[in-house]
N, C-alpha and C. Protein backbone atom coordinates (compact mmCIF):
# COMPACT_ATOMS: atom_id res chain seq x y z
N MET A 1 23.54 63.16 41.52
CA MET A 1 22.90 64.20 42.29
C MET A 1 23.25 65.54 41.68
N GLN A 2 22.29 66.41 41.67
CA GLN A 2 22.46 67.74 41.09
C GLN A 2 22.52 68.78 42.20
N THR A 3 23.34 69.82 42.00
CA THR A 3 23.41 70.94 42.93
C THR A 3 22.88 72.19 42.24
N ILE A 4 21.96 72.88 42.91
CA ILE A 4 21.40 74.11 42.38
C ILE A 4 21.84 75.24 43.31
N ASP A 5 22.55 76.21 42.76
CA ASP A 5 23.10 77.31 43.54
C ASP A 5 22.19 78.53 43.40
N THR A 6 21.48 78.84 44.48
CA THR A 6 20.57 79.99 44.47
C THR A 6 21.09 81.14 45.33
N ARG A 7 22.34 81.04 45.76
CA ARG A 7 22.90 82.09 46.61
C ARG A 7 22.88 83.42 45.86
N GLY A 8 22.54 84.48 46.60
CA GLY A 8 22.49 85.81 46.02
C GLY A 8 21.17 86.15 45.34
N LEU A 9 20.28 85.19 45.26
CA LEU A 9 18.98 85.43 44.63
C LEU A 9 17.92 85.63 45.70
N SER A 10 16.96 86.49 45.40
CA SER A 10 15.87 86.71 46.35
C SER A 10 14.64 85.95 45.89
N CYS A 11 13.79 85.66 46.85
CA CYS A 11 12.56 84.92 46.53
C CYS A 11 11.68 85.78 45.64
N PRO A 12 11.03 85.14 44.70
CA PRO A 12 10.77 83.71 44.58
C PRO A 12 11.74 82.96 43.66
N GLN A 13 12.82 83.58 43.23
CA GLN A 13 13.72 82.94 42.27
C GLN A 13 14.23 81.57 42.72
N PRO A 14 14.70 81.39 43.96
CA PRO A 14 15.17 80.06 44.35
C PRO A 14 14.11 78.97 44.21
N VAL A 15 12.89 79.28 44.62
CA VAL A 15 11.82 78.29 44.50
C VAL A 15 11.53 78.00 43.03
N LEU A 16 11.53 79.03 42.20
CA LEU A 16 11.27 78.83 40.77
C LEU A 16 12.37 78.00 40.11
N MET A 17 13.60 78.12 40.58
CA MET A 17 14.70 77.33 40.03
C MET A 17 14.61 75.86 40.44
N VAL A 18 14.14 75.61 41.65
CA VAL A 18 14.07 74.25 42.19
C VAL A 18 12.81 73.53 41.71
N HIS A 19 11.74 74.25 41.57
CA HIS A 19 10.42 73.66 41.28
C HIS A 19 10.42 72.65 40.12
N PRO A 20 11.04 72.93 38.97
CA PRO A 20 11.01 71.95 37.87
C PRO A 20 11.68 70.62 38.21
N HIS A 21 12.58 70.62 39.17
CA HIS A 21 13.32 69.41 39.53
C HIS A 21 12.56 68.54 40.52
N LEU A 22 11.48 69.04 41.08
CA LEU A 22 10.75 68.31 42.11
C LEU A 22 9.88 67.19 41.55
N ASP A 23 9.74 67.13 40.25
CA ASP A 23 8.99 66.02 39.64
C ASP A 23 9.88 64.81 39.37
N ALA A 24 11.18 65.00 39.42
CA ALA A 24 12.13 63.91 39.19
C ALA A 24 12.39 63.16 40.49
N ASP A 25 13.07 62.04 40.39
CA ASP A 25 13.42 61.27 41.58
C ASP A 25 14.90 61.41 41.91
N GLU A 26 15.60 62.33 41.25
CA GLU A 26 17.02 62.53 41.51
C GLU A 26 17.21 63.39 42.75
N ALA A 27 18.13 62.99 43.62
CA ALA A 27 18.43 63.77 44.81
C ALA A 27 18.99 65.13 44.40
N LEU A 28 18.70 66.15 45.20
CA LEU A 28 19.14 67.51 44.92
C LEU A 28 19.83 68.10 46.14
N ASP A 29 20.82 68.93 45.89
CA ASP A 29 21.36 69.81 46.91
C ASP A 29 21.10 71.22 46.43
N VAL A 30 20.54 72.04 47.31
CA VAL A 30 20.22 73.43 46.96
C VAL A 30 20.99 74.34 47.92
N LEU A 31 21.78 75.24 47.37
CA LEU A 31 22.54 76.19 48.18
C LEU A 31 21.74 77.48 48.31
N VAL A 32 21.51 77.91 49.55
CA VAL A 32 20.77 79.14 49.82
C VAL A 32 21.57 79.98 50.82
N ASP A 33 21.34 81.29 50.80
CA ASP A 33 22.06 82.15 51.74
C ASP A 33 21.14 83.12 52.48
N SER A 34 19.85 82.86 52.46
CA SER A 34 18.93 83.68 53.24
C SER A 34 17.90 82.78 53.91
N GLU A 35 17.41 83.23 55.04
CA GLU A 35 16.42 82.46 55.78
C GLU A 35 15.12 82.32 54.98
N ALA A 36 14.73 83.37 54.26
CA ALA A 36 13.51 83.30 53.45
C ALA A 36 13.62 82.23 52.37
N SER A 37 14.76 82.18 51.70
CA SER A 37 14.96 81.17 50.66
C SER A 37 14.96 79.77 51.26
N ARG A 38 15.61 79.65 52.40
CA ARG A 38 15.67 78.35 53.09
C ARG A 38 14.26 77.86 53.40
N GLU A 39 13.46 78.72 54.00
CA GLU A 39 12.10 78.34 54.38
C GLU A 39 11.23 78.05 53.16
N ASN A 40 11.30 78.89 52.15
CA ASN A 40 10.43 78.74 50.98
C ASN A 40 10.78 77.51 50.16
N VAL A 41 12.08 77.26 49.94
CA VAL A 41 12.48 76.06 49.19
C VAL A 41 12.11 74.81 49.99
N SER A 42 12.37 74.84 51.30
CA SER A 42 12.04 73.68 52.14
C SER A 42 10.55 73.39 52.12
N ARG A 43 9.74 74.44 52.21
CA ARG A 43 8.28 74.27 52.21
C ARG A 43 7.80 73.70 50.87
N ALA A 44 8.31 74.24 49.78
CA ALA A 44 7.91 73.77 48.45
C ALA A 44 8.28 72.30 48.26
N ALA A 45 9.47 71.92 48.69
CA ALA A 45 9.92 70.53 48.53
C ALA A 45 9.09 69.60 49.41
N ALA A 46 8.86 69.99 50.65
CA ALA A 46 8.08 69.15 51.57
C ALA A 46 6.66 68.92 51.05
N LYS A 47 6.06 69.93 50.45
CA LYS A 47 4.71 69.78 49.89
C LYS A 47 4.67 68.76 48.76
N ARG A 48 5.81 68.56 48.10
CA ARG A 48 5.88 67.61 46.99
C ARG A 48 6.42 66.25 47.43
N GLY A 49 6.54 66.02 48.75
CA GLY A 49 6.94 64.72 49.26
C GLY A 49 8.43 64.51 49.44
N TRP A 50 9.20 65.59 49.46
CA TRP A 50 10.65 65.50 49.63
C TRP A 50 11.02 65.68 51.10
N THR A 51 12.06 65.00 51.52
CA THR A 51 12.65 65.21 52.84
C THR A 51 13.75 66.24 52.69
N VAL A 52 13.78 67.23 53.57
CA VAL A 52 14.76 68.32 53.49
C VAL A 52 15.63 68.28 54.73
N THR A 53 16.95 68.20 54.52
CA THR A 53 17.91 68.23 55.60
C THR A 53 18.85 69.41 55.39
N PRO A 54 18.78 70.43 56.26
CA PRO A 54 19.68 71.58 56.11
C PRO A 54 21.05 71.29 56.73
N CYS A 55 22.10 71.73 56.06
CA CYS A 55 23.46 71.61 56.55
C CYS A 55 24.12 72.99 56.45
N GLU A 56 24.52 73.53 57.60
CA GLU A 56 25.15 74.84 57.64
C GLU A 56 26.62 74.70 57.21
N CYS A 57 27.06 75.57 56.28
CA CYS A 57 28.46 75.54 55.88
C CYS A 57 28.90 76.88 55.29
N ASP A 58 29.93 77.47 55.88
CA ASP A 58 30.60 78.66 55.36
C ASP A 58 29.67 79.81 54.95
N GLY A 59 28.76 80.19 55.80
CA GLY A 59 27.91 81.35 55.53
C GLY A 59 26.71 81.08 54.65
N HIS A 60 26.52 79.84 54.25
CA HIS A 60 25.32 79.50 53.50
C HIS A 60 24.78 78.17 54.02
N VAL A 61 23.66 77.78 53.51
CA VAL A 61 23.04 76.52 53.91
C VAL A 61 22.88 75.65 52.68
N ARG A 62 23.24 74.38 52.83
CA ARG A 62 22.98 73.40 51.77
C ARG A 62 21.75 72.60 52.21
N LEU A 63 20.72 72.68 51.41
CA LEU A 63 19.51 71.90 51.67
C LEU A 63 19.63 70.59 50.89
N GLU A 64 19.66 69.49 51.61
CA GLU A 64 19.71 68.19 50.96
C GLU A 64 18.28 67.71 50.77
N LEU A 65 17.85 67.64 49.53
CA LEU A 65 16.49 67.21 49.20
C LEU A 65 16.54 65.78 48.71
N ARG A 66 15.78 64.91 49.37
CA ARG A 66 15.73 63.50 49.01
C ARG A 66 14.27 63.07 48.93
N LYS A 67 13.97 62.26 47.94
CA LYS A 67 12.58 61.81 47.76
C LYS A 67 12.52 60.29 47.81
N ASN A 68 11.63 59.78 48.63
CA ASN A 68 11.36 58.33 48.69
C ASN A 68 12.62 57.49 48.77
N GLY A 69 13.54 57.85 49.63
CA GLY A 69 14.74 57.06 49.83
C GLY A 69 15.81 57.23 48.77
N VAL A 70 15.66 58.20 47.88
CA VAL A 70 16.68 58.44 46.85
C VAL A 70 17.90 59.03 47.52
N ARG A 71 19.05 58.55 47.18
CA ARG A 71 20.30 59.04 47.78
C ARG A 71 21.14 59.73 46.75
């Protein structure tokens, strides 16, 4: 599983960083620290068939992106 840290970046940078990984079947964790990034990354992943589970931790959110049962 890969972790992509987008904390401190403003949109559209987080989505642009995650987008190339959405064609793979590897599970991803994406760290975001703004509501806009959370919503935009989640929306982009969901449109590509990924399940997004947000986990709040220490002032940021970890978005767990999983595709077709990939763990």
